C-alpha atoms as a PDB file:
ATOM      1  CA  MET A   1     -65.321 192.485 249.909  1.00  0.00           C
ATOM      2  CA  ARG A   2     -63.569 190.682 252.738  1.00  0.00           C
ATOM      3  CA  TYR A   3     -59.991 189.463 252.289  1.00  0.00           C
ATOM      4  CA  ARG A   4     -57.800 187.125 254.273  1.00  0.00           C
ATOM      5  CA  ILE A   5     -54.115 187.995 253.934  1.00  0.00           C
ATOM      6  CA  GLU A   6     -51.259 185.740 254.994  1.00  0.00           C
ATOM      7  CA  HIS A   7     -47.747 187.188 254.739  1.00  0.00           C
ATOM      8  CA  ARG A   8     -45.005 184.753 255.773  1.00  0.00           C
ATOM      9  CA  THR A   9     -41.302 185.652 255.935  1.00  0.00           C
ATOM     10  CA  ASP A  10     -38.633 183.001 256.585  1.00  0.00           C
ATOM     11  CA  TYR A  11     -35.028 183.897 257.473  1.00  0.00           C
ATOM     12  CA  HIS A  12     -32.225 181.309 257.325  1.00  0.00           C
ATOM     13  CA  TYR A  13     -28.837 182.419 258.711  1.00  0.00           C
ATOM     14  CA  SER A  14     -25.431 180.871 258.029  1.00  0.00           C
ATOM     15  CA  ALA A  15     -24.445 181.164 261.720  1.00  0.00           C
ATOM     16  CA  PRO A  16     -26.347 181.607 264.991  1.00  0.00           C
ATOM     17  CA  VAL A  17     -27.994 184.962 265.702  1.00  0.00           C
ATOM     18  CA  SER A  18     -27.538 186.191 269.259  1.00  0.00           C
ATOM     19  CA  ARG A  19     -30.217 188.892 269.115  1.00  0.00           C
ATOM     20  CA  CYS A  20     -32.313 190.792 266.600  1.00  0.00           C
ATOM     21  CA  ARG A  21     -34.495 193.865 266.836  1.00  0.00           C
ATOM     22  CA  ASN A  22     -37.263 194.329 264.272  1.00  0.00           C
ATOM     23  CA  GLU A  23     -40.070 196.613 263.137  1.00  0.00           C
ATOM     24  CA  ALA A  24     -43.047 195.347 261.153  1.00  0.00           C
ATOM     25  CA  HIS A  25     -45.551 197.220 258.995  1.00  0.00           C
ATOM     26  CA  LEU A  26     -47.760 194.175 258.493  1.00  0.00           C
ATOM     27  CA  ARG A  27     -51.122 195.110 260.001  1.00  0.00           C
ATOM     28  CA  PRO A  28     -53.286 196.804 257.316  1.00  0.00           C
ATOM     29  CA  ARG A  29     -54.298 200.300 258.382  1.00  0.00           C
ATOM     30  CA  ASP A  30     -57.875 201.562 258.526  1.00  0.00           C
ATOM     31  CA  THR A  31     -58.724 203.989 255.719  1.00  0.00           C
ATOM     32  CA  ASP A  32     -61.789 205.534 254.120  1.00  0.00           C
ATOM     33  CA  ARG A  33     -62.162 202.417 251.960  1.00  0.00           C
ATOM     34  CA  GLN A  34     -61.055 199.599 254.240  1.00  0.00           C
ATOM     35  CA  ARG A  35     -61.265 198.330 257.808  1.00  0.00           C
ATOM     36  CA  CYS A  36     -58.917 195.832 259.430  1.00  0.00           C
ATOM     37  CA  VAL A  37     -61.223 193.384 261.200  1.00  0.00           C
ATOM     38  CA  ALA A  38     -58.462 191.296 262.802  1.00  0.00           C
ATOM     39  CA  SER A  39     -54.703 190.864 262.555  1.00  0.00           C
ATOM     40  CA  ASP A  40     -52.316 188.442 264.257  1.00  0.00           C
ATOM     41  CA  LEU A  41     -48.523 188.507 264.088  1.00  0.00           C
ATOM     42  CA  VAL A  42     -46.683 185.335 265.105  1.00  0.00           C
ATOM     43  CA  VAL A  43     -42.889 185.241 265.441  1.00  0.00           C
ATOM     44  CA  GLU A  44     -40.848 182.060 265.901  1.00  0.00           C
ATOM     45  CA  PRO A  45     -38.676 181.836 268.013  1.00  0.00           C
ATOM     46  CA  ALA A  46     -40.927 183.670 270.457  1.00  0.00           C
ATOM     47  CA  PRO A  47     -39.996 187.336 271.052  1.00  0.00           C
ATOM     48  CA  THR A  48     -38.523 188.405 274.378  1.00  0.00           C
ATOM     49  CA  GLY A  49     -39.738 191.974 273.913  1.00  0.00           C
ATOM     50  CA  TRP A  50     -42.789 193.416 272.151  1.00  0.00           C
ATOM     51  CA  SER A  51     -44.455 196.811 271.656  1.00  0.00           C
ATOM     52  CA  GLU A  52     -46.999 198.362 269.291  1.00  0.00           C
ATOM     53  CA  ARG A  53     -47.505 201.967 268.196  1.00  0.00           C
ATOM     54  CA  SER A  54     -48.567 204.205 265.326  1.00  0.00           C
ATOM     55  CA  ASP A  55     -45.793 205.830 263.307  1.00  0.00           C
ATOM     56  CA  PHE A  56     -45.598 209.447 262.108  1.00  0.00           C
ATOM     57  CA  TYR A  57     -48.028 208.735 259.244  1.00  0.00           C
ATOM     58  CA  GLY A  58     -50.526 206.818 261.387  1.00  0.00           C
ATOM     59  CA  ASN A  59     -49.467 203.357 260.213  1.00  0.00           C
ATOM     60  CA  PRO A  60     -49.646 200.518 262.770  1.00  0.00           C
ATOM     61  CA  VAL A  61     -46.153 199.289 263.729  1.00  0.00           C
ATOM     62  CA  ALA A  62     -45.128 196.273 265.812  1.00  0.00           C
ATOM     63  CA  ALA A  63     -41.604 196.218 267.276  1.00  0.00           C
ATOM     64  CA  PHE A  64     -40.101 193.050 268.720  1.00  0.00           C
ATOM     65  CA  VAL A  65     -36.854 191.590 270.028  1.00  0.00           C
ATOM     66  CA  VAL A  66     -35.814 187.947 269.593  1.00  0.00           C
ATOM     67  CA  ASP A  67     -32.950 186.540 271.660  1.00  0.00           C
ATOM     68  CA  GLY A  68     -30.889 183.624 270.382  1.00  0.00           C
ATOM     69  CA  PRO A  69     -29.110 181.621 269.634  1.00  0.00           C
ATOM     70  CA  PHE A  70     -31.120 180.707 266.512  1.00  0.00           C
ATOM     71  CA  THR A  71     -30.408 180.157 262.818  1.00  0.00           C
ATOM     72  CA  GLU A  72     -34.001 180.382 261.536  1.00  0.00           C
ATOM     73  CA  MET A  73     -36.766 182.896 262.191  1.00  0.00           C
ATOM     74  CA  THR A  74     -40.297 182.996 260.807  1.00  0.00           C
ATOM     75  CA  VAL A  75     -42.641 185.979 260.917  1.00  0.00           C
ATOM     76  CA  THR A  76     -46.246 185.287 259.894  1.00  0.00           C
ATOM     77  CA  ALA A  77     -48.962 187.937 259.712  1.00  0.00           C
ATOM     78  CA  VAL A  78     -52.573 186.887 259.146  1.00  0.00           C
ATOM     79  CA  SER A  79     -55.136 189.660 258.692  1.00  0.00           C
ATOM     80  CA  THR A  80     -58.797 189.983 257.773  1.00  0.00           C
ATOM     81  CA  VAL A  81     -59.769 193.198 256.000  1.00  0.00           C
ATOM     82  CA  ASP A  82     -63.065 194.558 254.661  1.00  0.00           C
ATOM     83  CA  VAL A  83     -62.619 196.656 251.514  1.00  0.00           C
ATOM     84  CA  VAL A  84     -65.037 198.753 249.462  1.00  0.00           C
ATOM     85  CA  ASP A  85     -64.432 200.366 246.088  1.00  0.00           C
ATOM     86  CA  GLY A  86     -63.025 203.874 246.294  1.00  0.00           C
ATOM     87  CA  ASP A  87     -64.934 207.018 245.398  1.00  0.00           C
ATOM     88  CA  PRO A  88     -65.436 207.647 241.675  1.00  0.00           C
ATOM     89  CA  LEU A  89     -62.799 209.785 240.015  1.00  0.00           C
ATOM     90  CA  PRO A  90     -63.386 213.548 240.172  1.00  0.00           C
ATOM     91  CA  ALA A  91     -65.386 214.589 237.125  1.00  0.00           C
ATOM     92  CA  VAL A  92     -62.944 217.330 236.138  1.00  0.00           C
ATOM     93  CA  GLY A  93     -60.853 218.427 239.088  1.00  0.00           C
ATOM     94  CA  PRO A  94     -58.185 221.109 239.091  1.00  0.00           C
ATOM     95  CA  GLY A  95     -55.550 221.506 236.430  1.00  0.00           C
ATOM     96  CA  TRP A  96     -52.138 220.403 237.598  1.00  0.00           C
ATOM     97  CA  GLY A  97     -50.926 224.018 237.456  1.00  0.00           C
ATOM     98  CA  GLU A  98     -53.801 225.087 239.708  1.00  0.00           C
ATOM     99  CA  ALA A  99     -52.965 222.237 242.096  1.00  0.00           C
ATOM    100  CA  LEU A 100     -49.345 223.383 242.140  1.00  0.00           C
ATOM    101  CA  ASP A 101     -50.404 226.935 242.984  1.00  0.00           C
ATOM    102  CA  LEU A 102     -52.618 225.723 245.842  1.00  0.00           C
ATOM    103  CA  LEU A 103     -49.881 223.528 247.275  1.00  0.00           C
ATOM    104  CA  THR A 104     -47.474 226.458 247.115  1.00  0.00           C
ATOM    105  CA  ASN A 105     -49.663 229.202 248.549  1.00  0.00           C
ATOM    106  CA  ASP A 106     -52.644 227.720 250.416  1.00  0.00           C
ATOM    107  CA  LEU A 107     -51.967 227.444 254.162  1.00  0.00           C
ATOM    108  CA  SER A 108     -55.047 225.379 255.026  1.00  0.00           C
ATOM    109  CA  PRO A 109     -54.427 222.230 257.132  1.00  0.00           C
ATOM    110  CA  ALA A 110     -55.162 219.866 254.215  1.00  0.00           C
ATOM    111  CA  MET A 111     -52.648 221.620 251.986  1.00  0.00           C
ATOM    112  CA  LEU A 112     -49.994 221.763 254.696  1.00  0.00           C
ATOM    113  CA  ASP A 113     -50.431 218.031 255.387  1.00  0.00           C
ATOM    114  CA  ALA A 114     -50.074 217.259 251.678  1.00  0.00           C
ATOM    115  CA  ARG A 115     -47.125 219.601 251.161  1.00  0.00           C
ATOM    116  CA  GLU A 116     -44.703 217.337 253.057  1.00  0.00           C
ATOM    117  CA  PHE A 117     -45.080 214.836 250.199  1.00  0.00           C
ATOM    118  CA  CYS A 118     -43.839 217.334 247.590  1.00  0.00           C
ATOM    119  CA  PHE A 119     -40.133 216.863 248.266  1.00  0.00           C
ATOM    120  CA  GLU A 120     -37.338 214.374 247.714  1.00  0.00           C
ATOM    121  CA  SER A 121     -36.976 211.535 250.196  1.00  0.00           C
ATOM    122  CA  PRO A 122     -34.198 208.991 250.789  1.00  0.00           C
ATOM    123  CA  LEU A 123     -35.334 206.634 248.003  1.00  0.00           C
ATOM    124  CA  VAL A 124     -37.187 209.071 245.721  1.00  0.00           C
ATOM    125  CA  SER A 125     -35.225 211.574 243.679  1.00  0.00           C
ATOM    126  CA  THR A 126     -36.680 214.572 241.856  1.00  0.00           C
ATOM    127  CA  ALA A 127     -33.530 215.020 239.743  1.00  0.00           C
ATOM    128  CA  ARG A 128     -33.676 216.573 236.291  1.00  0.00           C
ATOM    129  CA  ILE A 129     -33.729 213.152 234.591  1.00  0.00           C
ATOM    130  CA  VAL A 130     -36.877 212.278 236.545  1.00  0.00           C
ATOM    131  CA  ARG A 131     -38.582 215.549 235.638  1.00  0.00           C
ATOM    132  CA  GLU A 132     -37.648 215.090 231.978  1.00  0.00           C
ATOM    133  CA  TYR A 133     -39.465 211.761 231.979  1.00  0.00           C
ATOM    134  CA  ALA A 134     -42.484 213.304 233.747  1.00  0.00           C
ATOM    135  CA  GLU A 135     -42.956 216.436 231.643  1.00  0.00           C
ATOM    136  CA  PRO A 136     -44.669 214.895 228.557  1.00  0.00           C
ATOM    137  CA  SER A 137     -47.533 213.770 230.822  1.00  0.00           C
ATOM    138  CA  PHE A 138     -48.043 217.279 232.225  1.00  0.00           C
ATOM    139  CA  PRO A 139     -48.835 219.621 229.305  1.00  0.00           C
ATOM    140  CA  PRO A 140     -49.972 223.147 230.256  1.00  0.00           C
ATOM    141  CA  GLY A 141     -53.605 223.238 231.385  1.00  0.00           C
ATOM    142  CA  ALA A 142     -54.047 219.468 231.694  1.00  0.00           C
ATOM    143  CA  PRO A 143     -56.294 218.299 234.547  1.00  0.00           C
ATOM    144  CA  LEU A 144     -54.190 216.806 237.328  1.00  0.00           C
ATOM    145  CA  VAL A 145     -56.077 213.483 237.247  1.00  0.00           C
ATOM    146  CA  ASP A 146     -55.571 213.145 233.480  1.00  0.00           C
ATOM    147  CA  ALA A 147     -51.875 214.000 233.784  1.00  0.00           C
ATOM    148  CA  VAL A 148     -51.219 211.402 236.471  1.00  0.00           C
ATOM    149  CA  ALA A 149     -53.252 208.771 234.600  1.00  0.00           C
ATOM    150  CA  ALA A 150     -51.149 209.464 231.507  1.00  0.00           C
ATOM    151  CA  LEU A 151     -47.978 209.120 233.574  1.00  0.00           C
ATOM    152  CA  THR A 152     -48.954 205.738 235.013  1.00  0.00           C
ATOM    153  CA  GLU A 153     -50.002 204.533 231.562  1.00  0.00           C
ATOM    154  CA  ARG A 154     -46.591 205.492 230.157  1.00  0.00           C
ATOM    155  CA  ILE A 155     -44.703 203.754 232.971  1.00  0.00           C
ATOM    156  CA  HIS A 156     -46.771 200.620 232.388  1.00  0.00           C
ATOM    157  CA  ALA A 157     -45.964 200.719 228.657  1.00  0.00           C
ATOM    158  CA  ASP A 158     -42.299 201.778 228.879  1.00  0.00           C
ATOM    159  CA  PHE A 159     -40.988 199.503 231.650  1.00  0.00           C
ATOM    160  CA  LEU A 160     -40.597 195.743 231.866  1.00  0.00           C
ATOM    161  CA  TYR A 161     -41.615 193.934 235.046  1.00  0.00           C
ATOM    162  CA  ASP A 162     -38.414 192.040 235.876  1.00  0.00           C
ATOM    163  CA  PRO A 163     -38.143 190.525 239.381  1.00  0.00           C
ATOM    164  CA  GLY A 164     -34.564 190.265 240.564  1.00  0.00           C
ATOM    165  CA  PHE A 165     -33.155 193.014 238.355  1.00  0.00           C
ATOM    166  CA  THR A 166     -33.372 195.717 241.042  1.00  0.00           C
ATOM    167  CA  THR A 167     -33.564 196.059 244.817  1.00  0.00           C
ATOM    168  CA  VAL A 168     -35.741 198.460 246.782  1.00  0.00           C
ATOM    169  CA  THR A 169     -32.782 200.855 247.029  1.00  0.00           C
ATOM    170  CA  THR A 170     -31.962 200.953 243.282  1.00  0.00           C
ATOM    171  CA  PRO A 171     -31.673 204.648 242.272  1.00  0.00           C
ATOM    172  CA  LEU A 172     -34.294 206.018 239.893  1.00  0.00           C
ATOM    173  CA  ASP A 173     -31.670 206.950 237.288  1.00  0.00           C
ATOM    174  CA  GLU A 174     -30.789 203.234 236.983  1.00  0.00           C
ATOM    175  CA  VAL A 175     -34.451 202.273 236.701  1.00  0.00           C
ATOM    176  CA  LEU A 176     -34.870 204.878 233.967  1.00  0.00           C
ATOM    177  CA  ALA A 177     -31.696 203.775 232.180  1.00  0.00           C
ATOM    178  CA  HIS A 178     -32.640 200.086 232.037  1.00  0.00           C
ATOM    179  CA  ARG A 179     -36.433 200.510 231.790  1.00  0.00           C
ATOM    180  CA  ARG A 180     -37.143 197.543 234.033  1.00  0.00           C
ATOM    181  CA  GLY A 181     -37.878 196.760 237.662  1.00  0.00           C
ATOM    182  CA  VAL A 182     -40.725 195.729 239.954  1.00  0.00           C
ATOM    183  CA  CYS A 183     -43.713 197.423 241.545  1.00  0.00           C
ATOM    184  CA  GLN A 184     -41.613 199.216 244.177  1.00  0.00           C
ATOM    185  CA  ASP A 185     -39.437 200.734 241.438  1.00  0.00           C
ATOM    186  CA  PHE A 186     -42.424 201.826 239.371  1.00  0.00           C
ATOM    187  CA  ALA A 187     -44.121 203.342 242.430  1.00  0.00           C
ATOM    188  CA  HIS A 188     -40.911 205.195 243.366  1.00  0.00           C
ATOM    189  CA  LEU A 189     -40.586 206.467 239.796  1.00  0.00           C
ATOM    190  CA  ALA A 190     -44.206 207.638 239.608  1.00  0.00           C
ATOM    191  CA  VAL A 191     -43.922 209.359 242.995  1.00  0.00           C
ATOM    192  CA  GLY A 192     -40.658 211.009 241.936  1.00  0.00           C
ATOM    193  CA  CYS A 193     -42.199 212.236 238.678  1.00  0.00           C
ATOM    194  CA  VAL A 194     -45.183 213.801 240.436  1.00  0.00           C
ATOM    195  CA  ARG A 195     -42.968 215.448 243.059  1.00  0.00           C
ATOM    196  CA  SER A 196     -40.581 216.711 240.386  1.00  0.00           C
ATOM    197  CA  MET A 197     -43.509 218.752 239.036  1.00  0.00           C
ATOM    198  CA  GLY A 198     -43.985 220.320 242.491  1.00  0.00           C
ATOM    199  CA  LEU A 199     -47.029 218.192 243.335  1.00  0.00           C
ATOM    200  CA  ALA A 200     -47.765 215.905 246.298  1.00  0.00           C
ATOM    201  CA  ALA A 201     -47.464 212.117 246.058  1.00  0.00           C
ATOM    202  CA  ARG A 202     -46.976 209.425 248.655  1.00  0.00           C
ATOM    203  CA  TYR A 203     -45.775 205.834 248.394  1.00  0.00           C
ATOM    204  CA  VAL A 204     -48.321 203.169 249.362  1.00  0.00           C
ATOM    205  CA  SER A 205     -47.507 199.605 250.395  1.00  0.00           C
ATOM    206  CA  GLY A 206     -50.111 196.867 250.324  1.00  0.00           C
ATOM    207  CA  TYR A 207     -51.384 193.756 248.604  1.00  0.00           C
ATOM    208  CA  LEU A 208     -53.260 192.517 245.555  1.00  0.00           C
ATOM    209  CA  GLU A 209     -55.847 189.773 245.522  1.00  0.00           C
ATOM    210  CA  THR A 210     -54.010 186.571 244.546  1.00  0.00           C
ATOM    211  CA  GLU A 211     -56.726 185.133 242.322  1.00  0.00           C
ATOM    212  CA  ALA A 212     -58.196 187.205 239.493  1.00  0.00           C
ATOM    213  CA  PRO A 213     -61.987 187.477 239.154  1.00  0.00           C
ATOM    214  CA  PRO A 214     -63.496 185.161 236.510  1.00  0.00           C
ATOM    215  CA  GLY A 215     -62.730 186.332 232.986  1.00  0.00           C
ATOM    216  CA  GLU A 216     -59.999 188.767 234.069  1.00  0.00           C
ATOM    217  CA  GLU A 217     -56.223 188.477 233.865  1.00  0.00           C
ATOM    218  CA  ARG A 218     -54.247 188.048 237.066  1.00  0.00           C
ATOM    219  CA  LEU A 219     -52.586 191.327 238.058  1.00  0.00           C
ATOM    220  CA  VAL A 220     -48.807 191.624 238.103  1.00  0.00           C
ATOM    221  CA  GLY A 221     -47.418 191.694 241.626  1.00  0.00           C
ATOM    222  CA  ALA A 222     -49.790 189.257 243.316  1.00  0.00           C
ATOM    223  CA  ASP A 223     -48.180 186.666 245.624  1.00  0.00           C
ATOM    224  CA  ALA A 224     -45.915 189.412 247.033  1.00  0.00           C
ATOM    225  CA  SER A 225     -46.307 192.718 248.793  1.00  0.00           C
ATOM    226  CA  HIS A 226     -47.295 195.371 246.266  1.00  0.00           C
ATOM    227  CA  ALA A 227     -46.781 199.134 245.941  1.00  0.00           C
ATOM    228  CA  TRP A 228     -48.368 202.060 244.139  1.00  0.00           C
ATOM    229  CA  LEU A 229     -48.627 205.848 244.379  1.00  0.00           C
ATOM    230  CA  SER A 230     -51.206 208.179 245.839  1.00  0.00           C
ATOM    231  CA  VAL A 231     -51.574 211.714 244.461  1.00  0.00           C
ATOM    232  CA  PHE A 232     -53.189 214.605 246.304  1.00  0.00           C
ATOM    233  CA  VAL A 233     -56.008 216.199 244.291  1.00  0.00           C
ATOM    234  CA  PRO A 234     -56.984 219.520 245.935  1.00  0.00           C
ATOM    235  CA  GLY A 235     -60.674 219.697 246.734  1.00  0.00           C
ATOM    236  CA  TRP A 236     -61.093 215.942 246.369  1.00  0.00           C
ATOM    237  CA  GLY A 237     -58.454 214.000 248.315  1.00  0.00           C
ATOM    238  CA  TRP A 238     -55.872 211.310 247.681  1.00  0.00           C
ATOM    239  CA  LEU A 239     -56.121 209.341 244.442  1.00  0.00           C
ATOM    240  CA  ASP A 240     -54.360 205.943 244.311  1.00  0.00           C
ATOM    241  CA  LEU A 241     -53.049 204.566 241.005  1.00  0.00           C
ATOM    242  CA  ASP A 242     -51.035 201.428 240.223  1.00  0.00           C
ATOM    243  CA  PRO A 243     -48.444 202.010 237.479  1.00  0.00           C
ATOM    244  CA  THR A 244     -47.413 198.337 237.458  1.00  0.00           C
ATOM    245  CA  ASN A 245     -50.855 197.363 236.177  1.00  0.00           C
ATOM    246  CA  ASP A 246     -52.071 200.757 234.845  1.00  0.00           C
ATOM    247  CA  LYS A 247     -55.129 200.703 237.093  1.00  0.00           C
ATOM    248  CA  VAL A 248     -56.945 202.972 239.496  1.00  0.00           C
ATOM    249  CA  VAL A 249     -56.697 201.282 242.884  1.00  0.00           C
ATOM    250  CA  GLY A 250     -60.024 199.764 243.922  1.00  0.00           C
ATOM    251  CA  ALA A 251     -61.450 196.346 244.680  1.00  0.00           C
ATOM    252  CA  GLY A 252     -58.752 193.704 245.012  1.00  0.00           C
ATOM    253  CA  TYR A 253     -56.249 196.094 246.637  1.00  0.00           C
ATOM    254  CA  VAL A 254     -55.480 196.200 250.362  1.00  0.00           C
ATOM    255  CA  THR A 255     -53.482 199.093 251.846  1.00  0.00           C
ATOM    256  CA  THR A 256     -50.973 198.350 254.599  1.00  0.00           C
ATOM    257  CA  ALA A 257     -49.139 201.654 255.065  1.00  0.00           C
ATOM    258  CA  TRP A 258     -48.089 204.870 253.357  1.00  0.00           C
ATOM    259  CA  GLY A 259     -45.140 207.199 253.657  1.00  0.00           C
ATOM    260  CA  ARG A 260     -42.514 209.054 251.647  1.00  0.00           C
ATOM    261  CA  ASP A 261     -41.023 205.888 250.127  1.00  0.00           C
ATOM    262  CA  TYR A 262     -40.341 202.208 250.812  1.00  0.00           C
ATOM    263  CA  ALA A 263     -37.997 202.976 253.708  1.00  0.00           C
ATOM    264  CA  ASP A 264     -40.918 204.416 255.701  1.00  0.00           C
ATOM    265  CA  VAL A 265     -43.197 201.406 255.233  1.00  0.00           C
ATOM    266  CA  SER A 266     -41.081 198.294 254.605  1.00  0.00           C
ATOM    267  CA  PRO A 267     -42.943 195.190 255.834  1.00  0.00           C
ATOM    268  CA  LEU A 268     -39.991 194.093 257.985  1.00  0.00           C
ATOM    269  CA  LYS A 269     -36.734 195.776 258.906  1.00  0.00           C
ATOM    270  CA  GLY A 270     -34.286 195.431 261.746  1.00  0.00           C
ATOM    271  CA  ILE A 271     -30.821 194.800 263.108  1.00  0.00           C
ATOM    272  CA  VAL A 272     -29.226 191.372 263.566  1.00  0.00           C
ATOM    273  CA  PHE A 273     -26.342 190.602 265.919  1.00  0.00           C
ATOM    274  CA  GLY A 274     -24.477 187.580 264.579  1.00  0.00           C
ATOM    275  CA  GLY A 275     -25.937 185.466 261.811  1.00  0.00           C
ATOM    276  CA  GLY A 276     -22.752 184.917 259.822  1.00  0.00           C
ATOM    277  CA  ASP A 277     -21.801 186.343 256.451  1.00  0.00           C
ATOM    278  CA  SER A 278     -25.037 185.559 254.619  1.00  0.00           C
ATOM    279  CA  HIS A 279     -28.670 184.672 255.011  1.00  0.00           C
ATOM    280  CA  LEU A 280     -31.519 183.417 252.846  1.00  0.00           C
ATOM    281  CA  LEU A 281     -34.886 185.158 252.753  1.00  0.00           C
ATOM    282  CA  ASP A 282     -38.135 183.621 251.549  1.00  0.00           C
ATOM    283  CA  VAL A 283     -41.382 185.600 251.399  1.00  0.00           C
ATOM    284  CA  ALA A 284     -44.814 184.207 250.537  1.00  0.00           C
ATOM    285  CA  VAL A 285     -48.044 186.209 250.326  1.00  0.00           C
ATOM    286  CA  ASP A 286     -51.575 184.925 249.845  1.00  0.00           C
ATOM    287  CA  VAL A 287     -54.560 187.262 249.495  1.00  0.00           C
ATOM    288  CA  ARG A 288     -57.953 185.633 249.067  1.00  0.00           C
ATOM    289  CA  HIS A 289     -61.555 186.766 248.985  1.00  0.00           C
ATOM    290  CA  VAL A 290     -63.523 185.203 251.835  1.00  0.00           C
ATOM    291  CA  LEU A 291     -67.129 185.384 252.949  1.00  0.00           C
ATOM    292  CA  ALA A 292     -67.975 187.833 255.721  1.00  0.00           C
ATOM    293  CA  ASP A 293     -69.502 186.422 258.902  1.00  0.00           C
END
């Protein structure tokens, strides 16, 4: 499947901006199941400084500086990505207790790389309240894949998708208390639950196809950047699941970046000098299936 992704961000400031510095995670990364064929990032007003690099996790990053004065800025990313369905789920796989033992004691490179995703991060807590929510999905002896699937199913059933109720920095105890949020909250919660059990999980940022295939319901979270979790299954690899829609990530999903939490992979972040006391932000995302050349 080939997808064309357009991600447009408009900023409107109440007073002139003299300068801003920004970082963008907007170019989809290459993975085992996808290849970024092309990606263009256009900034208006035109940047006065520009650089590109890969971050600590291998995600493509563009950094740019825009000098003012200006009161409006638009950042538009247009990408073409080829995606294939992921590998089938492991037939049985290790129990979650076995996976925990391997992550604790195995010093192989794969385990050491995964182990850094076992701990708290700035936006993902592993506090007791998070573990208490996780524990019913992890009975003794349960296969890791079954346990994580049960967890994502529970989050999908227990929480209401409610845009505007939270922000990306809302603590997990508030999300748990109110049982509502958006895909970033549900991904943070799922990641926190897995890590609270001593297992490895990373936060994944990306997109959903805007239009549903014929006869299927449109997935929640389309028309915006999306987020889900990825769990390390020893002996198999990283398994991506979407708690917002209770689905295994496959066709229709495009990965942009992964890290410990949203702060590592936010589509746009930066510092503004000036701009007044307030600004308006408008984000529009369109992800469509297109024919390959």
